[in-house]
Amino acid sequence: DARWLAAIAAGATAIVAINRGFYALLSRRGGPAFALACIPLHIVYFVCAGLGFAIAFVERRFLR
C-alpha cells in the first residue's frame, strides 16, 4: 500500500532531519559518502532499539 511507503519515507526523513548535526559530524570526519552510508545503519539502530523496548515492555507487563 502506498500509505505504508509514505509513512516509512516520512519516518526516515524525520530521523535524518532530527539527526542532521550527527550526520554533519560523520560527513566532516569520514566524508559525505561515509555519512550517507551510515544513515541506513542508524535507522536500523532505531528499529532495533524500539523493538527491544517493545519486547521488554510486553514481557514485563504481560508475561510476568
Protein backbone atom coordinates (compact mmCIF):
# COMPACT_ATOMS: atom_id res chain seq x y z
CA ASP A 1 0.00 0.00 0.00
CA ALA A 2 1.26 3.46 -0.88
CA ARG A 3 0.35 4.78 2.57
CA TRP A 4 2.86 2.44 4.22
CA LEU A 5 5.57 3.56 1.84
CA ALA A 6 4.72 7.20 2.54
CA ALA A 7 4.82 6.59 6.30
CA ILE A 8 8.21 4.87 6.05
CA ALA A 9 9.58 7.70 3.91
CA ALA A 10 8.24 10.30 6.35
CA GLY A 11 9.80 8.45 9.28
CA ALA A 12 13.18 8.16 7.56
CA THR A 13 13.05 11.84 6.62
CA ALA A 14 12.25 12.79 10.22
CA ILE A 15 15.16 10.71 11.53
CA VAL A 16 17.56 12.39 9.11
CA ALA A 17 16.21 15.86 9.93
CA ILE A 18 16.39 15.36 13.68
CA ASN A 19 19.92 13.93 13.49
CA ARG A 20 21.35 16.29 10.89
CA GLY A 21 24.03 17.51 13.30
CA PHE A 22 25.21 13.94 13.84
CA TYR A 23 25.31 13.29 10.10
CA ALA A 24 27.22 16.54 9.59
CA LEU A 25 29.80 15.29 12.11
CA LEU A 26 30.07 11.99 10.25
CA SER A 27 30.49 13.89 7.00
CA ARG A 28 33.29 16.04 8.43
CA ARG A 29 35.09 13.00 9.87
CA GLY A 30 34.62 10.44 7.10
CA GLY A 31 33.32 12.33 4.09
CA PRO A 32 29.86 12.66 2.56
CA ALA A 33 29.80 9.08 1.21
CA PHE A 34 30.54 7.75 4.70
CA ALA A 35 27.74 9.85 6.20
CA LEU A 36 25.27 8.63 3.57
CA ALA A 37 26.30 5.02 4.19
CA CYS A 38 25.68 5.47 7.92
CA ILE A 39 22.07 6.65 7.55
CA PRO A 40 20.54 3.19 6.88
CA LEU A 41 22.58 1.71 9.73
CA HIS A 42 21.36 4.44 12.06
CA ILE A 43 17.76 3.72 11.06
CA VAL A 44 18.35 0.00 11.76
CA TYR A 45 19.71 1.03 15.18
CA PHE A 46 16.49 2.93 15.95
CA VAL A 47 14.33 0.00 14.80
CA CYS A 48 16.30 -2.45 16.98
CA ALA A 49 16.11 -0.13 19.99
CA GLY A 50 12.36 0.29 19.52
CA LEU A 51 11.78 -3.43 19.14
CA GLY A 52 13.90 -4.14 22.19
CA PHE A 53 11.87 -1.70 24.23
CA ALA A 54 8.58 -3.14 22.96
CA ILE A 55 9.65 -6.71 23.73
CA ALA A 56 10.83 -5.79 27.22
CA PHE A 57 7.63 -3.84 27.88
CA VAL A 58 5.36 -6.69 26.79
CA GLU A 59 7.43 -9.24 28.68
CA ARG A 60 7.40 -7.23 31.90
CA ARG A 61 3.80 -6.06 31.67
CA PHE A 62 2.00 -9.14 30.39
CA LEU A 63 4.21 -12.20 30.77
CA ARG A 64 5.35 -11.91 34.34
